Amino acid sequence: MSAYKTMAKSFLSDFTTRLRKSRGLTKEEMAEELRITSRAYSDLERGVYCFSALALLFLFLMLEESEIKELLDAFRKEVGNVENRGVA
């Protein structure tokens, strides 16, 4: 289970950073979108902590349906990578 948590934390950190930059948002603006503090967002982006369920739902609300599909497809691929390495 630990391998999945580590992978998810890194995956979401990278995704969120790219999303914030592509949308031209500051870290503070991104935190507002996710309904979390700026400090909590900074920790998410640096991979210190992972998303809460509520923050993840607000992330999904920021995305178009096609972006959600791309996110989930990429996550599915990362899960496969973890399982193929046999560290799950």
N, C-alpha and C. Protein backbone atom coordinates (compact mmCIF):
# COMPACT_ATOMS: atom_id res chain seq x y z
N MET A 1 0.83 -1.21 0.00
CA MET A 1 0.00 0.00 0.00
C MET A 1 0.86 1.26 0.00
N SER A 2 1.98 1.21 0.67
CA SER A 2 2.86 2.37 0.76
C SER A 2 3.33 2.83 -0.62
N ALA A 3 3.61 1.89 -1.51
CA ALA A 3 4.07 2.25 -2.86
C ALA A 3 2.99 3.04 -3.59
N TYR A 4 1.73 2.68 -3.39
CA TYR A 4 0.64 3.41 -4.03
C TYR A 4 0.53 4.83 -3.47
N LYS A 5 0.67 4.97 -2.17
CA LYS A 5 0.58 6.29 -1.55
C LYS A 5 1.69 7.20 -2.04
N THR A 6 2.89 6.66 -2.11
CA THR A 6 4.04 7.43 -2.59
C THR A 6 3.84 7.84 -4.04
N MET A 7 3.39 6.89 -4.87
CA MET A 7 3.16 7.16 -6.28
C MET A 7 2.05 8.20 -6.46
N ALA A 8 0.96 8.06 -5.72
CA ALA A 8 -0.16 8.99 -5.84
C ALA A 8 0.25 10.40 -5.42
N LYS A 9 1.00 10.49 -4.35
CA LYS A 9 1.45 11.80 -3.87
C LYS A 9 2.30 12.49 -4.94
N SER A 10 3.24 11.78 -5.51
CA SER A 10 4.11 12.33 -6.55
C SER A 10 3.32 12.67 -7.81
N PHE A 11 2.44 11.76 -8.22
CA PHE A 11 1.63 11.95 -9.42
C PHE A 11 0.76 13.20 -9.31
N LEU A 12 0.04 13.32 -8.18
CA LEU A 12 -0.86 14.46 -8.01
C LEU A 12 -0.09 15.77 -7.82
N SER A 13 1.05 15.69 -7.19
CA SER A 13 1.89 16.88 -7.03
C SER A 13 2.31 17.41 -8.40
N ASP A 14 2.81 16.52 -9.24
CA ASP A 14 3.24 16.92 -10.59
C ASP A 14 2.07 17.44 -11.42
N PHE A 15 0.95 16.71 -11.37
CA PHE A 15 -0.23 17.11 -12.15
C PHE A 15 -0.71 18.49 -11.72
N THR A 16 -0.81 18.70 -10.42
CA THR A 16 -1.35 19.96 -9.91
C THR A 16 -0.43 21.13 -10.25
N THR A 17 0.87 20.92 -10.15
CA THR A 17 1.81 21.98 -10.50
C THR A 17 1.66 22.36 -11.97
N ARG A 18 1.61 21.35 -12.84
CA ARG A 18 1.44 21.63 -14.27
C ARG A 18 0.12 22.34 -14.55
N LEU A 19 -0.95 21.88 -13.89
CA LEU A 19 -2.26 22.50 -14.09
C LEU A 19 -2.24 23.96 -13.66
N ARG A 20 -1.68 24.23 -12.49
CA ARG A 20 -1.63 25.61 -11.98
C ARG A 20 -0.86 26.50 -12.96
N LYS A 21 0.26 26.04 -13.43
CA LYS A 21 1.07 26.84 -14.35
C LYS A 21 0.39 27.03 -15.69
N SER A 22 -0.26 25.99 -16.19
CA SER A 22 -0.95 26.09 -17.48
C SER A 22 -2.14 27.04 -17.42
N ARG A 23 -2.73 27.16 -16.25
CA ARG A 23 -3.87 28.07 -16.08
C ARG A 23 -3.43 29.47 -15.66
N GLY A 24 -2.14 29.66 -15.44
CA GLY A 24 -1.62 30.96 -15.06
C GLY A 24 -2.04 31.39 -13.66
N LEU A 25 -2.20 30.43 -12.77
CA LEU A 25 -2.64 30.73 -11.40
C LEU A 25 -1.44 30.81 -10.47
N THR A 26 -1.56 31.65 -9.46
CA THR A 26 -0.57 31.67 -8.40
C THR A 26 -0.88 30.50 -7.46
N LYS A 27 0.05 30.22 -6.57
CA LYS A 27 -0.20 29.16 -5.59
C LYS A 27 -1.37 29.54 -4.69
N GLU A 28 -1.49 30.81 -4.37
CA GLU A 28 -2.60 31.27 -3.52
C GLU A 28 -3.93 31.10 -4.23
N GLU A 29 -3.98 31.42 -5.53
CA GLU A 29 -5.21 31.25 -6.30
C GLU A 29 -5.59 29.77 -6.41
N MET A 30 -4.59 28.95 -6.61
CA MET A 30 -4.86 27.51 -6.70
C MET A 30 -5.40 26.99 -5.37
N ALA A 31 -4.82 27.45 -4.28
CA ALA A 31 -5.30 27.06 -2.95
C ALA A 31 -6.77 27.45 -2.78
N GLU A 32 -7.12 28.65 -3.23
CA GLU A 32 -8.51 29.10 -3.14
C GLU A 32 -9.43 28.18 -3.95
N GLU A 33 -9.00 27.80 -5.14
CA GLU A 33 -9.80 26.90 -5.98
C GLU A 33 -10.05 25.56 -5.28
N LEU A 34 -9.05 25.09 -4.54
CA LEU A 34 -9.14 23.79 -3.87
C LEU A 34 -9.75 23.89 -2.48
N ARG A 35 -10.02 25.13 -2.05
CA ARG A 35 -10.61 25.39 -0.72
C ARG A 35 -9.70 24.93 0.41
N ILE A 36 -8.38 25.17 0.23
CA ILE A 36 -7.40 24.85 1.27
C ILE A 36 -6.52 26.07 1.50
N THR A 37 -5.71 26.02 2.53
CA THR A 37 -4.82 27.14 2.82
C THR A 37 -3.65 27.15 1.84
N SER A 38 -3.02 28.31 1.73
CA SER A 38 -1.85 28.43 0.87
C SER A 38 -0.74 27.49 1.33
N ARG A 39 -0.58 27.38 2.63
CA ARG A 39 0.44 26.48 3.18
C ARG A 39 0.15 25.03 2.81
N ALA A 40 -1.10 24.63 2.94
CA ALA A 40 -1.48 23.26 2.58
C ALA A 40 -1.23 23.02 1.10
N TYR A 41 -1.55 24.01 0.26
CA TYR A 41 -1.31 23.84 -1.18
C TYR A 41 0.18 23.72 -1.47
N SER A 42 0.97 24.55 -0.84
CA SER A 42 2.42 24.49 -1.04
C SER A 42 2.95 23.11 -0.67
N ASP A 43 2.45 22.56 0.43
CA ASP A 43 2.85 21.21 0.84
C ASP A 43 2.42 20.16 -0.19
N LEU A 44 1.23 20.33 -0.76
CA LEU A 44 0.76 19.41 -1.80
C LEU A 44 1.67 19.46 -3.02
N GLU A 45 1.99 20.68 -3.45
CA GLU A 45 2.79 20.83 -4.65
C GLU A 45 4.21 20.29 -4.46
N ARG A 46 4.72 20.40 -3.26
CA ARG A 46 6.06 19.89 -2.97
C ARG A 46 6.05 18.40 -2.64
N GLY A 47 4.87 17.80 -2.58
CA GLY A 47 4.78 16.37 -2.31
C GLY A 47 4.94 16.00 -0.85
N VAL A 48 4.79 16.98 0.04
CA VAL A 48 4.90 16.71 1.47
C VAL A 48 3.67 15.94 1.95
N TYR A 49 2.51 16.36 1.48
CA TYR A 49 1.25 15.70 1.83
C TYR A 49 0.49 15.39 0.56
N CYS A 50 -0.50 14.53 0.68
CA CYS A 50 -1.36 14.19 -0.45
C CYS A 50 -2.71 14.90 -0.28
N PHE A 51 -3.50 14.88 -1.31
CA PHE A 51 -4.81 15.51 -1.30
C PHE A 51 -5.74 14.85 -0.30
N SER A 52 -6.56 15.67 0.34
CA SER A 52 -7.70 15.13 1.08
C SER A 52 -8.76 14.79 0.04
N ALA A 53 -9.72 14.01 0.43
CA ALA A 53 -10.81 13.66 -0.50
C ALA A 53 -11.54 14.92 -0.97
N LEU A 54 -11.77 15.85 -0.05
CA LEU A 54 -12.49 17.07 -0.40
C LEU A 54 -11.70 17.92 -1.39
N ALA A 55 -10.41 18.10 -1.14
CA ALA A 55 -9.59 18.89 -2.06
C ALA A 55 -9.52 18.22 -3.43
N LEU A 56 -9.46 16.90 -3.45
CA LEU A 56 -9.43 16.18 -4.72
C LEU A 56 -10.73 16.39 -5.51
N LEU A 57 -11.85 16.43 -4.81
CA LEU A 57 -13.12 16.70 -5.49
C LEU A 57 -13.13 18.11 -6.08
N PHE A 58 -12.59 19.07 -5.35
CA PHE A 58 -12.52 20.43 -5.89
C PHE A 58 -11.56 20.50 -7.08
N LEU A 59 -10.51 19.68 -7.07
CA LEU A 59 -9.62 19.60 -8.23
C LEU A 59 -10.41 19.11 -9.44
N PHE A 60 -11.21 18.06 -9.25
CA PHE A 60 -12.02 17.55 -10.36
C PHE A 60 -12.98 18.60 -10.89
N LEU A 61 -13.52 19.44 -10.00
CA LEU A 61 -14.44 20.49 -10.45
C LEU A 61 -13.74 21.53 -11.32
N MET A 62 -12.43 21.66 -11.18
CA MET A 62 -11.66 22.60 -12.00
C MET A 62 -11.46 22.09 -13.42
N LEU A 63 -11.64 20.79 -13.62
CA LEU A 63 -11.28 20.15 -14.88
C LEU A 63 -12.48 19.93 -15.79
N GLU A 64 -12.19 19.94 -17.08
CA GLU A 64 -13.19 19.54 -18.08
C GLU A 64 -13.25 18.01 -18.07
N GLU A 65 -14.33 17.45 -18.61
CA GLU A 65 -14.47 15.99 -18.62
C GLU A 65 -13.30 15.31 -19.30
N SER A 66 -12.83 15.87 -20.40
CA SER A 66 -11.71 15.26 -21.11
C SER A 66 -10.43 15.30 -20.27
N GLU A 67 -10.26 16.34 -19.47
CA GLU A 67 -9.08 16.44 -18.60
C GLU A 67 -9.15 15.42 -17.47
N ILE A 68 -10.36 15.18 -16.96
CA ILE A 68 -10.52 14.16 -15.92
C ILE A 68 -10.17 12.79 -16.48
N LYS A 69 -10.63 12.51 -17.69
CA LYS A 69 -10.30 11.23 -18.33
C LYS A 69 -8.80 11.10 -18.52
N GLU A 70 -8.14 12.15 -18.99
CA GLU A 70 -6.69 12.10 -19.17
C GLU A 70 -5.98 11.87 -17.84
N LEU A 71 -6.44 12.53 -16.79
CA LEU A 71 -5.85 12.36 -15.46
C LEU A 71 -5.99 10.92 -15.00
N LEU A 72 -7.18 10.37 -15.12
CA LEU A 72 -7.41 9.00 -14.67
C LEU A 72 -6.66 7.98 -15.52
N ASP A 73 -6.57 8.21 -16.82
CA ASP A 73 -5.81 7.31 -17.69
C ASP A 73 -4.33 7.32 -17.32
N ALA A 74 -3.79 8.51 -17.06
CA ALA A 74 -2.38 8.62 -16.66
C ALA A 74 -2.15 7.95 -15.31
N PHE A 75 -3.11 8.11 -14.40
CA PHE A 75 -2.99 7.47 -13.08
C PHE A 75 -3.03 5.95 -13.21
N ARG A 76 -3.93 5.47 -14.07
CA ARG A 76 -4.03 4.03 -14.30
C ARG A 76 -2.69 3.48 -14.82
N LYS A 77 -2.05 4.23 -15.70
CA LYS A 77 -0.75 3.82 -16.23
C LYS A 77 0.30 3.77 -15.11
N GLU A 78 0.29 4.76 -14.24
CA GLU A 78 1.24 4.78 -13.12
C GLU A 78 1.00 3.61 -12.16
N VAL A 79 -0.25 3.28 -11.91
CA VAL A 79 -0.58 2.11 -11.07
C VAL A 79 -0.01 0.85 -11.72
N GLY A 80 -0.17 0.73 -13.02
CA GLY A 80 0.39 -0.41 -13.73
C GLY A 80 1.89 -0.48 -13.60
N ASN A 81 2.55 0.67 -13.66
CA ASN A 81 4.00 0.70 -13.50
C ASN A 81 4.42 0.20 -12.11
N VAL A 82 3.68 0.63 -11.09
CA VAL A 82 3.98 0.17 -9.72
C VAL A 82 3.79 -1.34 -9.63
N GLU A 83 2.70 -1.83 -10.19
CA GLU A 83 2.40 -3.26 -10.11
C GLU A 83 3.39 -4.09 -10.91
N ASN A 84 3.84 -3.57 -12.05
CA ASN A 84 4.81 -4.29 -12.86
C ASN A 84 6.18 -4.36 -12.19
N ARG A 85 6.49 -3.38 -11.37
CA ARG A 85 7.76 -3.41 -10.63
C ARG A 85 7.66 -4.34 -9.43
N GLY A 86 6.43 -4.78 -9.10
CA GLY A 86 6.24 -5.70 -7.99
C GLY A 86 6.45 -5.10 -6.63
N VAL A 87 6.18 -3.79 -6.50
CA VAL A 87 6.39 -3.14 -5.22
C VAL A 87 5.08 -2.73 -4.57
N ALA A 88 3.97 -3.19 -5.07
CA ALA A 88 2.68 -2.78 -4.56
C ALA A 88 2.37 -3.35 -3.24
